């Protein structure tokens, strides 16, 4: 590869307070600290097991976008679903999402 510039890798925590795609915000900022994947050391990875979030990307901007996409999907598919449509594990995830996220007051 023809590398013209090398910059230090930014592994500082990411703070998610709102969803870009939906009028939803976190009750408390979601802090995710990126790490490099163990196998290739090429991908930035973050995880929040309680929310079922597991995102990875080649750079920080792409990682933020992937996190936003996954949180929007989780909100739509679980938090907005009726309890009757969900199994026990999915209902538990729905409760955790509703505990940590809410519709923005300006949009409510």
N, C-alpha and C. Protein backbone atom coordinates (compact mmCIF):
# COMPACT_ATOMS: atom_id res chain seq x y z
N UNK A 1 0.84 -1.18 0.00
CA UNK A 1 0.00 0.00 0.00
C UNK A 1 0.88 1.24 0.00
N UNK A 2 0.38 2.27 -0.62
CA UNK A 2 1.07 3.55 -0.66
C UNK A 2 0.50 4.44 0.44
N UNK A 3 1.16 4.49 1.59
CA UNK A 3 0.68 5.25 2.74
C UNK A 3 1.38 6.60 2.75
N UNK A 4 0.58 7.66 2.77
CA UNK A 4 1.17 9.00 2.78
C UNK A 4 1.08 9.67 4.15
N UNK A 5 0.21 9.17 5.00
CA UNK A 5 0.06 9.78 6.31
C UNK A 5 -0.39 8.73 7.32
N UNK A 6 0.27 8.71 8.46
CA UNK A 6 -0.11 7.80 9.54
C UNK A 6 -0.53 8.65 10.72
N UNK A 7 -1.72 8.37 11.25
CA UNK A 7 -2.24 9.10 12.39
C UNK A 7 -2.50 8.12 13.53
N UNK A 8 -2.39 8.60 14.76
CA UNK A 8 -2.68 7.71 15.89
C UNK A 8 -4.14 7.27 15.85
N UNK A 9 -4.38 6.06 16.28
CA UNK A 9 -5.73 5.49 16.29
C UNK A 9 -6.49 6.04 17.49
N UNK A 10 -7.67 6.56 17.25
CA UNK A 10 -8.50 7.14 18.30
C UNK A 10 -9.39 6.05 18.90
N UNK A 11 -9.02 5.61 20.09
CA UNK A 11 -9.81 4.60 20.81
C UNK A 11 -10.53 5.21 22.01
N UNK A 12 -10.72 6.53 21.97
CA UNK A 12 -11.43 7.19 23.07
C UNK A 12 -12.91 6.79 23.02
N UNK A 13 -13.58 6.87 24.17
CA UNK A 13 -14.99 6.46 24.23
C UNK A 13 -15.88 7.27 23.30
N UNK A 14 -16.89 6.61 22.78
CA UNK A 14 -17.94 7.24 21.99
C UNK A 14 -19.12 7.48 22.93
N UNK A 15 -19.74 8.63 22.82
CA UNK A 15 -20.89 8.97 23.66
C UNK A 15 -22.10 9.17 22.76
N UNK A 16 -23.07 8.29 22.88
CA UNK A 16 -24.28 8.35 22.07
C UNK A 16 -25.39 8.92 22.95
N UNK A 17 -25.99 10.03 22.51
CA UNK A 17 -27.06 10.64 23.29
C UNK A 17 -28.39 10.62 22.55
N UNK A 18 -28.34 10.59 21.20
CA UNK A 18 -29.56 10.60 20.40
C UNK A 18 -29.39 9.69 19.20
N UNK A 19 -30.52 9.30 18.63
CA UNK A 19 -30.48 8.55 17.38
C UNK A 19 -30.66 9.53 16.23
N UNK A 20 -29.85 9.38 15.21
CA UNK A 20 -29.93 10.26 14.05
C UNK A 20 -31.16 9.98 13.21
N UNK A 21 -31.58 8.73 13.14
CA UNK A 21 -32.64 8.32 12.22
C UNK A 21 -34.04 8.35 12.82
N UNK A 22 -34.13 8.46 14.13
CA UNK A 22 -35.41 8.44 14.83
C UNK A 22 -35.42 9.51 15.91
N UNK A 23 -36.60 10.00 16.29
CA UNK A 23 -36.67 10.98 17.37
C UNK A 23 -36.57 10.31 18.75
N UNK A 24 -35.45 9.64 18.97
CA UNK A 24 -35.22 8.88 20.20
C UNK A 24 -33.91 9.33 20.80
N UNK A 25 -33.89 9.42 22.12
CA UNK A 25 -32.66 9.80 22.80
C UNK A 25 -32.39 8.84 23.94
N UNK A 26 -31.15 8.82 24.38
CA UNK A 26 -30.76 8.00 25.52
C UNK A 26 -31.13 8.77 26.79
N UNK A 27 -31.62 8.08 27.80
CA UNK A 27 -31.89 8.72 29.09
C UNK A 27 -30.58 9.18 29.72
N UNK A 28 -29.56 8.41 29.52
CA UNK A 28 -28.21 8.71 29.98
C UNK A 28 -27.28 8.33 28.83
N UNK A 29 -26.30 9.16 28.53
CA UNK A 29 -25.41 8.90 27.39
C UNK A 29 -24.89 7.47 27.42
N UNK A 30 -24.94 6.83 26.27
CA UNK A 30 -24.39 5.49 26.11
C UNK A 30 -22.91 5.65 25.79
N UNK A 31 -22.06 5.15 26.65
CA UNK A 31 -20.61 5.25 26.44
C UNK A 31 -20.08 3.91 25.97
N UNK A 32 -19.46 3.94 24.80
CA UNK A 32 -18.91 2.74 24.19
C UNK A 32 -17.45 2.99 23.87
N UNK A 33 -16.56 2.13 24.36
CA UNK A 33 -15.13 2.30 24.11
C UNK A 33 -14.69 1.32 23.03
N UNK A 34 -14.24 1.86 21.89
CA UNK A 34 -13.80 0.99 20.79
C UNK A 34 -12.53 0.22 21.15
N UNK A 35 -12.45 -0.98 20.64
CA UNK A 35 -11.24 -1.80 20.72
C UNK A 35 -10.99 -2.36 19.33
N UNK A 36 -9.77 -2.78 19.08
CA UNK A 36 -9.46 -3.43 17.82
C UNK A 36 -9.86 -4.89 17.90
N UNK A 37 -10.36 -5.43 16.80
CA UNK A 37 -10.73 -6.84 16.79
C UNK A 37 -9.47 -7.67 17.03
N UNK A 38 -9.64 -8.80 17.69
CA UNK A 38 -8.50 -9.64 18.08
C UNK A 38 -7.80 -10.28 16.89
N UNK A 39 -8.57 -10.70 15.91
CA UNK A 39 -8.00 -11.47 14.81
C UNK A 39 -7.15 -10.64 13.85
N UNK A 40 -7.72 -9.60 13.27
CA UNK A 40 -7.00 -8.86 12.23
C UNK A 40 -6.40 -7.54 12.72
N UNK A 41 -6.89 -7.04 13.85
CA UNK A 41 -6.47 -5.74 14.37
C UNK A 41 -6.76 -4.62 13.36
N UNK A 42 -7.78 -4.83 12.51
CA UNK A 42 -8.14 -3.87 11.46
C UNK A 42 -9.46 -3.14 11.77
N UNK A 43 -10.32 -3.77 12.55
CA UNK A 43 -11.66 -3.23 12.77
C UNK A 43 -11.80 -2.65 14.17
N UNK A 44 -12.48 -1.51 14.25
CA UNK A 44 -12.88 -0.96 15.53
C UNK A 44 -14.18 -1.65 15.93
N UNK A 45 -14.27 -2.10 17.16
CA UNK A 45 -15.43 -2.85 17.63
C UNK A 45 -15.94 -2.26 18.94
N UNK A 46 -17.25 -2.27 19.10
CA UNK A 46 -17.88 -1.90 20.37
C UNK A 46 -18.99 -2.91 20.66
N UNK A 47 -19.30 -3.03 21.94
CA UNK A 47 -20.34 -3.98 22.34
C UNK A 47 -21.04 -3.48 23.59
N UNK A 48 -22.34 -3.66 23.62
CA UNK A 48 -23.14 -3.48 24.83
C UNK A 48 -24.08 -4.66 24.88
N UNK A 49 -23.70 -5.65 25.68
CA UNK A 49 -24.46 -6.91 25.72
C UNK A 49 -25.88 -6.70 26.22
N UNK A 50 -26.08 -5.77 27.13
CA UNK A 50 -27.42 -5.58 27.67
C UNK A 50 -28.41 -5.09 26.61
N UNK A 51 -27.91 -4.37 25.59
CA UNK A 51 -28.77 -3.89 24.51
C UNK A 51 -28.68 -4.76 23.26
N UNK A 52 -27.84 -5.78 23.28
CA UNK A 52 -27.68 -6.61 22.10
C UNK A 52 -26.93 -5.89 20.99
N UNK A 53 -26.11 -4.92 21.35
CA UNK A 53 -25.37 -4.12 20.37
C UNK A 53 -23.98 -4.71 20.19
N UNK A 54 -23.62 -4.97 18.94
CA UNK A 54 -22.30 -5.49 18.61
C UNK A 54 -21.95 -4.93 17.24
N UNK A 55 -21.15 -3.84 17.21
CA UNK A 55 -20.87 -3.14 15.97
C UNK A 55 -19.37 -3.13 15.70
N UNK A 56 -19.04 -3.12 14.40
CA UNK A 56 -17.64 -3.02 14.01
C UNK A 56 -17.55 -2.29 12.67
N UNK A 57 -16.42 -1.63 12.45
CA UNK A 57 -16.20 -0.89 11.20
C UNK A 57 -14.71 -0.60 11.06
N UNK A 58 -14.34 -0.16 9.86
CA UNK A 58 -12.93 0.12 9.58
C UNK A 58 -12.45 1.45 10.14
N UNK A 59 -13.38 2.38 10.39
CA UNK A 59 -12.95 3.65 10.97
C UNK A 59 -14.03 4.17 11.91
N UNK A 60 -13.70 5.22 12.62
CA UNK A 60 -14.56 5.76 13.66
C UNK A 60 -15.89 6.29 13.10
N UNK A 61 -15.85 6.99 11.98
CA UNK A 61 -17.07 7.53 11.38
C UNK A 61 -18.01 6.40 10.97
N UNK A 62 -17.47 5.37 10.35
CA UNK A 62 -18.29 4.22 9.96
C UNK A 62 -18.83 3.49 11.19
N UNK A 63 -18.03 3.43 12.25
CA UNK A 63 -18.48 2.78 13.49
C UNK A 63 -19.66 3.54 14.09
N UNK A 64 -19.57 4.85 14.14
CA UNK A 64 -20.68 5.66 14.65
C UNK A 64 -21.95 5.41 13.83
N UNK A 65 -21.81 5.36 12.52
CA UNK A 65 -22.95 5.10 11.66
C UNK A 65 -23.54 3.72 11.92
N UNK A 66 -22.69 2.72 12.08
CA UNK A 66 -23.16 1.36 12.36
C UNK A 66 -23.89 1.29 13.71
N UNK A 67 -23.36 1.97 14.71
CA UNK A 67 -24.01 2.02 16.03
C UNK A 67 -25.40 2.64 15.90
N UNK A 68 -25.48 3.76 15.18
CA UNK A 68 -26.76 4.44 14.98
C UNK A 68 -27.76 3.52 14.28
N UNK A 69 -27.31 2.82 13.25
CA UNK A 69 -28.19 1.91 12.53
C UNK A 69 -28.70 0.79 13.43
N UNK A 70 -27.80 0.21 14.21
CA UNK A 70 -28.21 -0.90 15.08
C UNK A 70 -29.16 -0.43 16.17
N UNK A 71 -28.89 0.73 16.78
CA UNK A 71 -29.78 1.24 17.82
C UNK A 71 -31.17 1.56 17.24
N UNK A 72 -31.21 2.11 16.04
CA UNK A 72 -32.49 2.41 15.40
C UNK A 72 -33.26 1.11 15.13
N UNK A 73 -32.55 0.09 14.65
CA UNK A 73 -33.20 -1.20 14.40
C UNK A 73 -33.72 -1.81 15.70
N UNK A 74 -32.91 -1.77 16.75
CA UNK A 74 -33.34 -2.33 18.03
C UNK A 74 -34.57 -1.61 18.55
N UNK A 75 -34.58 -0.28 18.45
CA UNK A 75 -35.73 0.50 18.91
C UNK A 75 -36.99 0.12 18.13
N UNK A 76 -36.85 0.08 16.82
CA UNK A 76 -38.00 -0.21 15.95
C UNK A 76 -38.52 -1.63 16.14
N UNK A 77 -37.61 -2.59 16.16
CA UNK A 77 -38.00 -4.00 16.19
C UNK A 77 -38.40 -4.52 17.57
N UNK A 78 -37.88 -3.90 18.63
CA UNK A 78 -38.16 -4.41 19.97
C UNK A 78 -38.94 -3.41 20.82
N UNK A 79 -38.42 -2.20 20.98
CA UNK A 79 -39.07 -1.23 21.87
C UNK A 79 -40.46 -0.85 21.37
N UNK A 80 -40.64 -0.81 20.05
CA UNK A 80 -41.93 -0.42 19.47
C UNK A 80 -42.87 -1.61 19.24
N UNK A 81 -42.40 -2.80 19.45
CA UNK A 81 -43.22 -3.99 19.20
C UNK A 81 -44.17 -4.26 20.37
N UNK A 82 -45.28 -4.89 20.06
CA UNK A 82 -46.20 -5.27 21.13
C UNK A 82 -45.60 -6.47 21.88
N UNK A 83 -45.88 -6.56 23.15
CA UNK A 83 -45.37 -7.67 23.95
C UNK A 83 -45.82 -9.02 23.41
N UNK A 84 -47.02 -9.06 22.84
CA UNK A 84 -47.55 -10.31 22.30
C UNK A 84 -46.72 -10.85 21.14
N UNK A 85 -46.04 -9.96 20.44
CA UNK A 85 -45.25 -10.37 19.27
C UNK A 85 -43.84 -10.81 19.66
N UNK A 86 -43.49 -10.71 20.94
CA UNK A 86 -42.13 -10.99 21.39
C UNK A 86 -42.08 -12.19 22.32
N UNK A 87 -40.98 -12.95 22.25
CA UNK A 87 -40.79 -14.03 23.22
C UNK A 87 -40.20 -13.44 24.50
N UNK A 88 -39.94 -14.27 25.49
CA UNK A 88 -39.49 -13.79 26.79
C UNK A 88 -38.18 -12.99 26.71
N UNK A 89 -37.19 -13.51 25.96
CA UNK A 89 -35.91 -12.81 25.82
C UNK A 89 -36.09 -11.47 25.13
N UNK A 90 -36.92 -11.43 24.10
CA UNK A 90 -37.16 -10.19 23.36
C UNK A 90 -37.90 -9.18 24.24
N UNK A 91 -38.83 -9.64 25.07
CA UNK A 91 -39.53 -8.72 25.99
C UNK A 91 -38.55 -8.15 27.01
N UNK A 92 -37.61 -8.97 27.46
CA UNK A 92 -36.59 -8.47 28.41
C UNK A 92 -35.72 -7.41 27.73
N UNK A 93 -35.35 -7.63 26.49
CA UNK A 93 -34.59 -6.65 25.74
C UNK A 93 -35.41 -5.37 25.57
N UNK A 94 -36.68 -5.52 25.26
CA UNK A 94 -37.57 -4.36 25.12
C UNK A 94 -37.57 -3.53 26.41
N UNK A 95 -37.66 -4.17 27.55
CA UNK A 95 -37.66 -3.45 28.83
C UNK A 95 -36.34 -2.70 29.04
N UNK A 96 -35.23 -3.36 28.69
CA UNK A 96 -33.92 -2.68 28.84
C UNK A 96 -33.82 -1.48 27.90
N UNK A 97 -34.31 -1.63 26.69
CA UNK A 97 -34.30 -0.50 25.75
C UNK A 97 -35.16 0.65 26.27
N UNK A 98 -36.36 0.33 26.76
CA UNK A 98 -37.25 1.36 27.26
C UNK A 98 -36.70 2.02 28.53
N UNK A 99 -35.92 1.29 29.31
CA UNK A 99 -35.28 1.86 30.50
C UNK A 99 -34.18 2.84 30.12
N UNK A 100 -33.53 2.61 28.99
CA UNK A 100 -32.35 3.42 28.62
C UNK A 100 -32.62 4.44 27.53
N UNK A 101 -33.76 4.32 26.83
CA UNK A 101 -34.04 5.20 25.71
C UNK A 101 -35.49 5.69 25.80
N UNK A 102 -35.75 6.84 25.17
CA UNK A 102 -37.11 7.36 25.13
C UNK A 102 -37.29 8.23 23.91
N UNK A 103 -38.56 8.42 23.51
CA UNK A 103 -38.86 9.34 22.42
C UNK A 103 -38.52 10.74 22.90
N UNK A 104 -37.84 11.50 22.05
CA UNK A 104 -37.45 12.87 22.40
C UNK A 104 -38.69 13.68 22.74
N UNK A 105 -38.61 14.46 23.78
CA UNK A 105 -39.77 15.23 24.22
C UNK A 105 -40.26 16.19 23.14
N UNK A 106 -39.36 16.76 22.38
CA UNK A 106 -39.75 17.68 21.31
C UNK A 106 -40.58 16.98 20.25
N UNK A 107 -40.40 15.65 20.12
CA UNK A 107 -41.10 14.88 19.09
C UNK A 107 -42.31 14.13 19.66
N UNK A 108 -42.42 14.06 20.98
CA UNK A 108 -43.49 13.28 21.59
C UNK A 108 -44.86 13.85 21.36
